[in-house]
Amino acid sequence: MPQYPGMSTFVLVHGAFHGGWCWRFVAESLRRAGHAVFTPTLTGLGERRHSLSPAIDLEHWVVDVVDVIECEELEDIVLVGHSFGGMVISGVADRLEHRIGHVVFLDAGIAESGRPVAADLPSEVWALRIRDVVDVAGVPCFPPPPAGYFGVTDAALAAWLARRLTPMPIRVYETSIRLQNPVGNGLPATFVHCTRPELPVVTRSAIKAKSMGWHYVDIATGHDAMLLEPHRVASILARAPSSGAG
C-alpha cells in the first residue's frame, strides 16, 4: 500500500467477545484524517460467528491477523490490540517485525511465551468462569458479560454493544503461543491504560509495560475506550505513527 505524507496504516485488533465492528467510530475518525484502517474480525466472533469451531485457539487468531497483513501487503503499520487482542498482537509482532512500525496495547493483555491466559487467573476465579460455560454448536464458550463490565453505562450504547457481543471459546484462554523474541520484538510500543474504572485483569500488563520502558498513557475512561472515547483513542493512536508516516 502506498504511503503518503502524514498518512499511517492502522490494523486494529479487537478483544474478547467483540468483533471488528467495535472499532467503527475510531476507524471513522482515523479515515477522516487520511489514514488507512483495517479492522479484522477473529475467527468465530462477530460477523464470523458462523465459523466457530473446537479447533480455534490463540495460534489460530494470530494467524488470522498475520494473513490479513500479508494478503493486503501492508507495511510500516501501527498494530493495535485491545484487551484480549493484546495477546494476539504479541504473536503478530513476533512474526512480522518487518511490516510493523509501532505496536499499541489498548488496555490489553501482554502475552508470555508458552503461558496461557488461564494460568494468570487465580484458581477460584477460573473455577467461577468455568461454571458459567455454555455450549455453542459443540464449542465450550464463555457467555458475554454485561456491558457494564466493559465500563459502558449509557443505556443506548450498552444496548448497542450487547446486541453485538458473541460468546468466547474457552480454548483461546487455555492455549498459548511461542514467542521467538522478547514481547514487542524491539518495536516502538505504547501501552494505553483505561483507569475509570480500572479493569483488574489488565493491571498486570500495565505494570509490565512500565517495567519494559514502553510509552505509557493513562486515559480516564472505561475498558471499551474505543466506544466510550473514540476520538480520544484515535488521537492517541495517531500520535504513535509508523516510521514511514509524516
C-alpha atoms as a PDB file:
ATOM      1  CA  MET A   1       0.000   0.000   0.000  1.00  0.00           C
ATOM      2  CA  PRO A   2       1.453   3.412  -0.917  1.00  0.00           C
ATOM      3  CA  GLN A   3       2.321   5.781   1.897  1.00  0.00           C
ATOM      4  CA  TYR A   4       1.575   9.494   1.677  1.00  0.00           C
ATOM      5  CA  PRO A   5       2.880  12.350   3.822  1.00  0.00           C
ATOM      6  CA  GLY A   6       1.106  12.302   7.191  1.00  0.00           C
ATOM      7  CA  MET A   7      -0.683   9.012   6.493  1.00  0.00           C
ATOM      8  CA  SER A   8      -0.341   5.855   8.568  1.00  0.00           C
ATOM      9  CA  THR A   9      -1.815   2.403   8.113  1.00  0.00           C
ATOM     10  CA  PHE A  10      -3.583   1.017  11.180  1.00  0.00           C
ATOM     11  CA  VAL A  11      -4.536  -2.584  11.883  1.00  0.00           C
ATOM     12  CA  LEU A  12      -6.937  -2.630  14.838  1.00  0.00           C
ATOM     13  CA  VAL A  13      -7.482  -5.955  16.605  1.00  0.00           C
ATOM     14  CA  HIS A  14     -10.477  -6.338  18.898  1.00  0.00           C
ATOM     15  CA  GLY A  15     -10.685  -8.168  22.201  1.00  0.00           C
ATOM     16  CA  ALA A  16     -12.803 -10.880  23.786  1.00  0.00           C
ATOM     17  CA  PHE A  17     -16.497 -11.149  22.819  1.00  0.00           C
ATOM     18  CA  HIS A  18     -16.124  -8.287  20.295  1.00  0.00           C
ATOM     19  CA  GLY A  19     -15.500  -8.096  16.556  1.00  0.00           C
ATOM     20  CA  GLY A  20     -14.033  -5.666  14.079  1.00  0.00           C
ATOM     21  CA  TRP A  21     -17.277  -3.694  14.420  1.00  0.00           C
ATOM     22  CA  CYS A  22     -16.148  -2.271  17.779  1.00  0.00           C
ATOM     23  CA  TRP A  23     -13.609  -0.038  16.008  1.00  0.00           C
ATOM     24  CA  ARG A  24     -16.263   1.679  13.873  1.00  0.00           C
ATOM     25  CA  PHE A  25     -16.030   5.106  15.466  1.00  0.00           C
ATOM     26  CA  VAL A  26     -12.238   5.093  15.891  1.00  0.00           C
ATOM     27  CA  ALA A  27     -11.823   3.955  12.285  1.00  0.00           C
ATOM     28  CA  GLU A  28     -14.107   6.727  11.036  1.00  0.00           C
ATOM     29  CA  SER A  29     -12.052   9.314  12.895  1.00  0.00           C
ATOM     30  CA  LEU A  30      -8.742   7.985  11.570  1.00  0.00           C
ATOM     31  CA  ARG A  31     -10.008   7.721   7.999  1.00  0.00           C
ATOM     32  CA  ARG A  32     -11.279  11.289   8.074  1.00  0.00           C
ATOM     33  CA  ALA A  33      -7.713  12.292   8.927  1.00  0.00           C
ATOM     34  CA  GLY A  34      -6.467  10.460   5.839  1.00  0.00           C
ATOM     35  CA  HIS A  35      -5.212   7.230   7.385  1.00  0.00           C
ATOM     36  CA  ALA A  36      -5.809   3.696   6.110  1.00  0.00           C
ATOM     37  CA  VAL A  37      -7.542   1.410   8.621  1.00  0.00           C
ATOM     38  CA  PHE A  38      -8.119  -2.351   8.724  1.00  0.00           C
ATOM     39  CA  THR A  39     -10.339  -3.934  11.395  1.00  0.00           C
ATOM     40  CA  PRO A  40     -10.208  -7.733  11.034  1.00  0.00           C
ATOM     41  CA  THR A  41     -12.631  -9.912  12.974  1.00  0.00           C
ATOM     42  CA  LEU A  42     -11.146 -13.002  14.601  1.00  0.00           C
ATOM     43  CA  THR A  43     -12.482 -16.408  13.582  1.00  0.00           C
ATOM     44  CA  GLY A  44     -15.639 -17.406  15.436  1.00  0.00           C
ATOM     45  CA  LEU A  45     -16.549 -13.946  16.737  1.00  0.00           C
ATOM     46  CA  GLY A  46     -18.640 -11.037  15.472  1.00  0.00           C
ATOM     47  CA  GLU A  47     -19.888 -11.457  11.922  1.00  0.00           C
ATOM     48  CA  ARG A  48     -17.679 -14.554  11.718  1.00  0.00           C
ATOM     49  CA  ARG A  49     -19.589 -16.328  14.478  1.00  0.00           C
ATOM     50  CA  HIS A  50     -20.683 -18.933  11.944  1.00  0.00           C
ATOM     51  CA  SER A  51     -17.042 -20.110  11.740  1.00  0.00           C
ATOM     52  CA  LEU A  52     -16.846 -21.013  15.443  1.00  0.00           C
ATOM     53  CA  SER A  53     -15.237 -24.438  15.878  1.00  0.00           C
ATOM     54  CA  PRO A  54     -13.474 -26.550  18.523  1.00  0.00           C
ATOM     55  CA  ALA A  55     -10.185 -26.038  16.634  1.00  0.00           C
ATOM     56  CA  ILE A  56      -9.921 -22.327  17.419  1.00  0.00           C
ATOM     57  CA  ASP A  57      -7.051 -21.464  19.732  1.00  0.00           C
ATOM     58  CA  LEU A  58      -4.786 -18.464  20.312  1.00  0.00           C
ATOM     59  CA  GLU A  59      -2.453 -19.500  17.479  1.00  0.00           C
ATOM     60  CA  HIS A  60      -5.435 -19.525  15.116  1.00  0.00           C
ATOM     61  CA  TRP A  61      -6.166 -15.892  15.914  1.00  0.00           C
ATOM     62  CA  VAL A  62      -2.557 -14.816  15.498  1.00  0.00           C
ATOM     63  CA  VAL A  63      -2.637 -16.355  12.014  1.00  0.00           C
ATOM     64  CA  ASP A  64      -5.921 -14.536  11.283  1.00  0.00           C
ATOM     65  CA  VAL A  65      -4.172 -11.181  11.662  1.00  0.00           C
ATOM     66  CA  VAL A  66      -0.883 -12.233  10.081  1.00  0.00           C
ATOM     67  CA  ASP A  67      -2.779 -13.355   6.999  1.00  0.00           C
ATOM     68  CA  VAL A  68      -4.643 -10.037   6.678  1.00  0.00           C
ATOM     69  CA  ILE A  69      -1.401  -8.064   6.872  1.00  0.00           C
ATOM     70  CA  GLU A  70       0.383 -10.288   4.378  1.00  0.00           C
ATOM     71  CA  CYS A  71      -2.552 -10.612   1.964  1.00  0.00           C
ATOM     72  CA  GLU A  72      -3.033  -6.837   1.884  1.00  0.00           C
ATOM     73  CA  GLU A  73       0.765  -6.408   1.624  1.00  0.00           C
ATOM     74  CA  LEU A  74       0.721  -3.833   4.411  1.00  0.00           C
ATOM     75  CA  GLU A  75       3.954  -2.249   5.541  1.00  0.00           C
ATOM     76  CA  ASP A  76       5.085   0.064   8.339  1.00  0.00           C
ATOM     77  CA  ILE A  77       1.768  -0.390  10.121  1.00  0.00           C
ATOM     78  CA  VAL A  78       0.574   0.726  13.530  1.00  0.00           C
ATOM     79  CA  LEU A  79      -0.665  -2.542  15.070  1.00  0.00           C
ATOM     80  CA  VAL A  80      -3.226  -2.071  17.844  1.00  0.00           C
ATOM     81  CA  GLY A  81      -4.706  -4.680  20.177  1.00  0.00           C
ATOM     82  CA  HIS A  82      -7.494  -4.074  22.660  1.00  0.00           C
ATOM     83  CA  SER A  83      -7.980  -6.294  25.717  1.00  0.00           C
ATOM     84  CA  PHE A  84      -7.519  -9.950  24.652  1.00  0.00           C
ATOM     85  CA  GLY A  85      -6.344  -8.565  21.319  1.00  0.00           C
ATOM     86  CA  GLY A  86      -3.075  -7.751  23.064  1.00  0.00           C
ATOM     87  CA  MET A  87      -2.376 -11.479  23.292  1.00  0.00           C
ATOM     88  CA  VAL A  88      -2.945 -11.720  19.558  1.00  0.00           C
ATOM     89  CA  ILE A  89      -0.756  -8.791  18.527  1.00  0.00           C
ATOM     90  CA  SER A  90       2.022 -10.092  20.783  1.00  0.00           C
ATOM     91  CA  GLY A  91       2.250 -13.048  18.421  1.00  0.00           C
ATOM     92  CA  VAL A  92       1.842 -10.972  15.277  1.00  0.00           C
ATOM     93  CA  ALA A  93       4.656  -8.598  16.269  1.00  0.00           C
ATOM     94  CA  ASP A  94       6.898 -11.573  16.945  1.00  0.00           C
ATOM     95  CA  ARG A  95       6.472 -12.791  13.354  1.00  0.00           C
ATOM     96  CA  LEU A  96       6.065  -9.645  11.260  1.00  0.00           C
ATOM     97  CA  GLU A  97       8.567  -7.169  12.675  1.00  0.00           C
ATOM     98  CA  HIS A  98       9.485  -6.129   9.118  1.00  0.00           C
ATOM     99  CA  ARG A  99       5.905  -4.983   8.458  1.00  0.00           C
ATOM    100  CA  ILE A 100       5.257  -3.126  11.729  1.00  0.00           C
ATOM    101  CA  GLY A 101       6.287   0.387  12.719  1.00  0.00           C
ATOM    102  CA  HIS A 102       4.611   0.634  16.144  1.00  0.00           C
ATOM    103  CA  VAL A 103       2.573  -1.575  18.458  1.00  0.00           C
ATOM    104  CA  VAL A 104      -0.154  -0.223  20.740  1.00  0.00           C
ATOM    105  CA  PHE A 105      -1.710  -2.198  23.583  1.00  0.00           C
ATOM    106  CA  LEU A 106      -5.046  -0.561  24.401  1.00  0.00           C
ATOM    107  CA  ASP A 107      -5.886  -1.720  27.946  1.00  0.00           C
ATOM    108  CA  ALA A 108      -4.659  -5.070  26.712  1.00  0.00           C
ATOM    109  CA  GLY A 109      -3.039  -8.283  27.791  1.00  0.00           C
ATOM    110  CA  ILE A 110       0.631  -8.874  27.028  1.00  0.00           C
ATOM    111  CA  ALA A 111       1.477 -12.453  26.098  1.00  0.00           C
ATOM    112  CA  GLU A 112       4.199 -14.527  27.699  1.00  0.00           C
ATOM    113  CA  SER A 113       5.717 -17.260  25.590  1.00  0.00           C
ATOM    114  CA  GLY A 114       4.167 -20.638  26.364  1.00  0.00           C
ATOM    115  CA  ARG A 115       1.881 -19.255  29.065  1.00  0.00           C
ATOM    116  CA  PRO A 116      -1.900 -19.345  28.561  1.00  0.00           C
ATOM    117  CA  VAL A 117      -4.156 -16.590  29.844  1.00  0.00           C
ATOM    118  CA  ALA A 118      -5.862 -19.017  32.221  1.00  0.00           C
ATOM    119  CA  ALA A 119      -2.569 -19.531  34.065  1.00  0.00           C
ATOM    120  CA  ASP A 120      -2.614 -15.913  35.222  1.00  0.00           C
ATOM    121  CA  LEU A 121      -6.055 -16.127  36.781  1.00  0.00           C
ATOM    122  CA  PRO A 122      -6.477 -17.213  40.411  1.00  0.00           C
ATOM    123  CA  SER A 123      -7.812 -20.768  40.533  1.00  0.00           C
ATOM    124  CA  GLU A 124     -11.004 -19.662  42.277  1.00  0.00           C
ATOM    125  CA  VAL A 125     -11.660 -17.051  39.564  1.00  0.00           C
ATOM    126  CA  TRP A 126     -11.122 -19.608  36.804  1.00  0.00           C
ATOM    127  CA  ALA A 127     -13.430 -22.049  38.585  1.00  0.00           C
ATOM    128  CA  LEU A 128     -16.185 -19.430  38.681  1.00  0.00           C
ATOM    129  CA  ARG A 129     -15.749 -18.697  34.997  1.00  0.00           C
ATOM    130  CA  ILE A 130     -15.818 -22.363  34.036  1.00  0.00           C
ATOM    131  CA  ARG A 131     -19.060 -22.729  35.965  1.00  0.00           C
ATOM    132  CA  ASP A 132     -20.713 -20.325  33.525  1.00  0.00           C
ATOM    133  CA  VAL A 133     -19.524 -22.059  30.335  1.00  0.00           C
ATOM    134  CA  VAL A 134     -22.183 -22.630  27.676  1.00  0.00           C
ATOM    135  CA  ASP A 135     -22.200 -24.945  24.684  1.00  0.00           C
ATOM    136  CA  VAL A 136     -22.383 -23.117  21.341  1.00  0.00           C
ATOM    137  CA  ALA A 137     -22.646 -25.539  18.406  1.00  0.00           C
ATOM    138  CA  GLY A 138     -20.469 -28.025  20.264  1.00  0.00           C
ATOM    139  CA  VAL A 139     -17.875 -25.458  21.359  1.00  0.00           C
ATOM    140  CA  PRO A 140     -17.456 -24.633  25.077  1.00  0.00           C
ATOM    141  CA  CYS A 141     -17.692 -20.847  25.399  1.00  0.00           C
ATOM    142  CA  PHE A 142     -17.881 -18.121  27.969  1.00  0.00           C
ATOM    143  CA  PRO A 143     -21.095 -16.099  27.508  1.00  0.00           C
ATOM    144  CA  PRO A 144     -20.640 -12.345  27.052  1.00  0.00           C
ATOM    145  CA  PRO A 145     -20.627 -10.352  30.297  1.00  0.00           C
ATOM    146  CA  PRO A 146     -22.954  -7.354  30.720  1.00  0.00           C
ATOM    147  CA  ALA A 147     -21.959  -4.079  29.095  1.00  0.00           C
ATOM    148  CA  GLY A 148     -21.062  -2.637  32.484  1.00  0.00           C
ATOM    149  CA  TYR A 149     -18.080  -4.998  32.674  1.00  0.00           C
ATOM    150  CA  PHE A 150     -16.548  -3.030  29.802  1.00  0.00           C
ATOM    151  CA  GLY A 151     -17.253   0.291  31.518  1.00  0.00           C
ATOM    152  CA  VAL A 152     -20.261   1.067  29.321  1.00  0.00           C
ATOM    153  CA  THR A 153     -23.102   2.527  31.402  1.00  0.00           C
ATOM    154  CA  ASP A 154     -25.014   4.688  28.913  1.00  0.00           C
ATOM    155  CA  ALA A 155     -28.233   2.754  28.232  1.00  0.00           C
ATOM    156  CA  ALA A 156     -28.316   3.264  24.456  1.00  0.00           C
ATOM    157  CA  LEU A 157     -24.639   2.416  23.967  1.00  0.00           C
ATOM    158  CA  ALA A 158     -24.921  -0.562  26.320  1.00  0.00           C
ATOM    159  CA  ALA A 159     -27.817  -1.948  24.264  1.00  0.00           C
ATOM    160  CA  TRP A 160     -25.868  -1.363  21.031  1.00  0.00           C
ATOM    161  CA  LEU A 161     -22.902  -3.237  22.493  1.00  0.00           C
ATOM    162  CA  ALA A 162     -24.930  -6.101  23.950  1.00  0.00           C
ATOM    163  CA  ARG A 163     -26.564  -6.817  20.577  1.00  0.00           C
ATOM    164  CA  ARG A 164     -23.146  -7.398  19.019  1.00  0.00           C
ATOM    165  CA  LEU A 165     -21.204  -9.325  21.648  1.00  0.00           C
ATOM    166  CA  THR A 166     -20.614 -13.015  20.910  1.00  0.00           C
ATOM    167  CA  PRO A 167     -19.548 -15.974  23.093  1.00  0.00           C
ATOM    168  CA  MET A 168     -15.822 -16.558  23.560  1.00  0.00           C
ATOM    169  CA  PRO A 169     -14.335 -20.050  23.019  1.00  0.00           C
ATOM    170  CA  ILE A 170     -12.579 -21.066  26.224  1.00  0.00           C
ATOM    171  CA  ARG A 171      -9.794 -22.826  24.314  1.00  0.00           C
ATOM    172  CA  VAL A 172      -8.155 -19.489  23.499  1.00  0.00           C
ATOM    173  CA  TYR A 173      -7.672 -18.970  27.236  1.00  0.00           C
ATOM    174  CA  GLU A 174      -6.207 -22.433  27.725  1.00  0.00           C
ATOM    175  CA  THR A 175      -3.692 -22.370  24.859  1.00  0.00           C
ATOM    176  CA  SER A 176      -0.581 -20.273  24.347  1.00  0.00           C
ATOM    177  CA  ILE A 177       1.802 -19.092  21.662  1.00  0.00           C
ATOM    178  CA  ARG A 178       5.559 -19.425  21.401  1.00  0.00           C
ATOM    179  CA  LEU A 179       7.457 -16.181  21.021  1.00  0.00           C
ATOM    180  CA  GLN A 180      10.889 -16.284  19.407  1.00  0.00           C
ATOM    181  CA  ASN A 181      11.755 -12.781  20.638  1.00  0.00           C
ATOM    182  CA  PRO A 182      11.066 -10.614  23.694  1.00  0.00           C
ATOM    183  CA  VAL A 183       7.449  -9.442  23.678  1.00  0.00           C
ATOM    184  CA  GLY A 184       7.087  -6.417  21.392  1.00  0.00           C
ATOM    185  CA  ASN A 185      10.068  -7.642  19.365  1.00  0.00           C
ATOM    186  CA  GLY A 186      12.012  -4.426  19.984  1.00  0.00           C
ATOM    187  CA  LEU A 187       9.442  -2.322  18.143  1.00  0.00           C
ATOM    188  CA  PRO A 188       8.320   1.110  19.366  1.00  0.00           C
ATOM    189  CA  ALA A 189       5.486   0.336  21.778  1.00  0.00           C
ATOM    190  CA  THR A 190       2.742   2.200  23.615  1.00  0.00           C
ATOM    191  CA  PHE A 191       0.501   0.977  26.432  1.00  0.00           C
ATOM    192  CA  VAL A 192      -2.791   2.802  26.996  1.00  0.00           C
ATOM    193  CA  HIS A 193      -4.311   2.119  30.419  1.00  0.00           C
ATOM    194  CA  CYS A 194      -8.010   2.806  30.994  1.00  0.00           C
ATOM    195  CA  THR A 195      -8.490   3.869  34.609  1.00  0.00           C
ATOM    196  CA  ARG A 196     -12.146   4.834  35.151  1.00  0.00           C
ATOM    197  CA  PRO A 197     -12.793   2.189  36.244  1.00  0.00           C
ATOM    198  CA  GLU A 198      -9.596   0.159  36.051  1.00  0.00           C
ATOM    199  CA  LEU A 199     -10.097  -3.442  34.959  1.00  0.00           C
ATOM    200  CA  PRO A 200      -8.146  -5.612  37.433  1.00  0.00           C
ATOM    201  CA  VAL A 201      -7.132  -8.243  34.860  1.00  0.00           C
ATOM    202  CA  VAL A 202      -5.265  -5.548  32.904  1.00  0.00           C
ATOM    203  CA  THR A 203      -3.226  -4.245  35.856  1.00  0.00           C
ATOM    204  CA  ARG A 204      -0.530  -6.911  35.481  1.00  0.00           C
ATOM    205  CA  SER A 205       0.052  -5.927  31.856  1.00  0.00           C
ATOM    206  CA  ALA A 206       0.144  -2.222  32.705  1.00  0.00           C
ATOM    207  CA  ILE A 207       2.862  -2.872  35.287  1.00  0.00           C
ATOM    208  CA  LYS A 208       4.808  -4.982  32.814  1.00  0.00           C
ATOM    209  CA  ALA A 209       4.596  -2.297  30.110  1.00  0.00           C
ATOM    210  CA  LYS A 210       6.032   0.268  32.513  1.00  0.00           C
ATOM    211  CA  SER A 211       8.838  -2.074  33.531  1.00  0.00           C
ATOM    212  CA  MET A 212       9.803  -2.514  29.878  1.00  0.00           C
ATOM    213  CA  GLY A 213      10.002   1.225  29.362  1.00  0.00           C
ATOM    214  CA  TRP A 214       7.194   1.439  26.837  1.00  0.00           C
ATOM    215  CA  HIS A 215       5.474   4.759  26.225  1.00  0.00           C
ATOM    216  CA  TYR A 216       2.618   4.813  28.727  1.00  0.00           C
ATOM    217  CA  VAL A 217      -0.667   6.720  28.598  1.00  0.00           C
ATOM    218  CA  ASP A 218      -3.475   6.827  31.176  1.00  0.00           C
ATOM    219  CA  ILE A 219      -6.961   7.605  29.915  1.00  0.00           C
ATOM    220  CA  ALA A 220      -9.775   8.242  32.404  1.00  0.00           C
ATOM    221  CA  THR A 221     -12.440   6.076  30.820  1.00  0.00           C
ATOM    222  CA  GLY A 222     -13.740   2.516  30.907  1.00  0.00           C
ATOM    223  CA  HIS A 223     -12.237  -0.589  29.322  1.00  0.00           C
ATOM    224  CA  ASP A 224     -14.064  -0.199  25.982  1.00  0.00           C
ATOM    225  CA  ALA A 225     -12.359   3.121  25.313  1.00  0.00           C
ATOM    226  CA  MET A 226     -12.833   2.738  21.556  1.00  0.00           C
ATOM    227  CA  LEU A 227     -16.586   3.091  22.158  1.00  0.00           C
ATOM    228  CA  LEU A 228     -16.539   5.466  25.118  1.00  0.00           C
ATOM    229  CA  GLU A 229     -13.865   7.885  23.872  1.00  0.00           C
ATOM    230  CA  PRO A 230     -13.338   7.092  20.180  1.00  0.00           C
ATOM    231  CA  HIS A 231     -11.942  10.482  19.188  1.00  0.00           C
ATOM    232  CA  ARG A 232      -9.540  10.476  22.124  1.00  0.00           C
ATOM    233  CA  VAL A 233      -8.388   6.971  21.242  1.00  0.00           C
ATOM    234  CA  ALA A 234      -7.952   7.941  17.583  1.00  0.00           C
ATOM    235  CA  SER A 235      -5.882  10.941  18.664  1.00  0.00           C
ATOM    236  CA  ILE A 236      -3.635   8.765  20.841  1.00  0.00           C
ATOM    237  CA  LEU A 237      -3.152   6.263  18.018  1.00  0.00           C
ATOM    238  CA  ALA A 238      -2.365   8.999  15.521  1.00  0.00           C
ATOM    239  CA  ARG A 239       0.427  10.171  17.817  1.00  0.00           C
ATOM    240  CA  ALA A 240       2.015   6.726  17.647  1.00  0.00           C
ATOM    241  CA  PRO A 241       2.871   6.873  13.933  1.00  0.00           C
ATOM    242  CA  SER A 242       4.726   4.286  11.935  1.00  0.00           C
ATOM    243  CA  SER A 243       8.207   5.248  10.893  1.00  0.00           C
ATOM    244  CA  GLY A 244       7.145   5.940   7.323  1.00  0.00           C
ATOM    245  CA  ALA A 245       4.452   8.470   8.215  1.00  0.00           C
ATOM    246  CA  GLY A 246       4.969  12.184   8.283  1.00  0.00           C
END
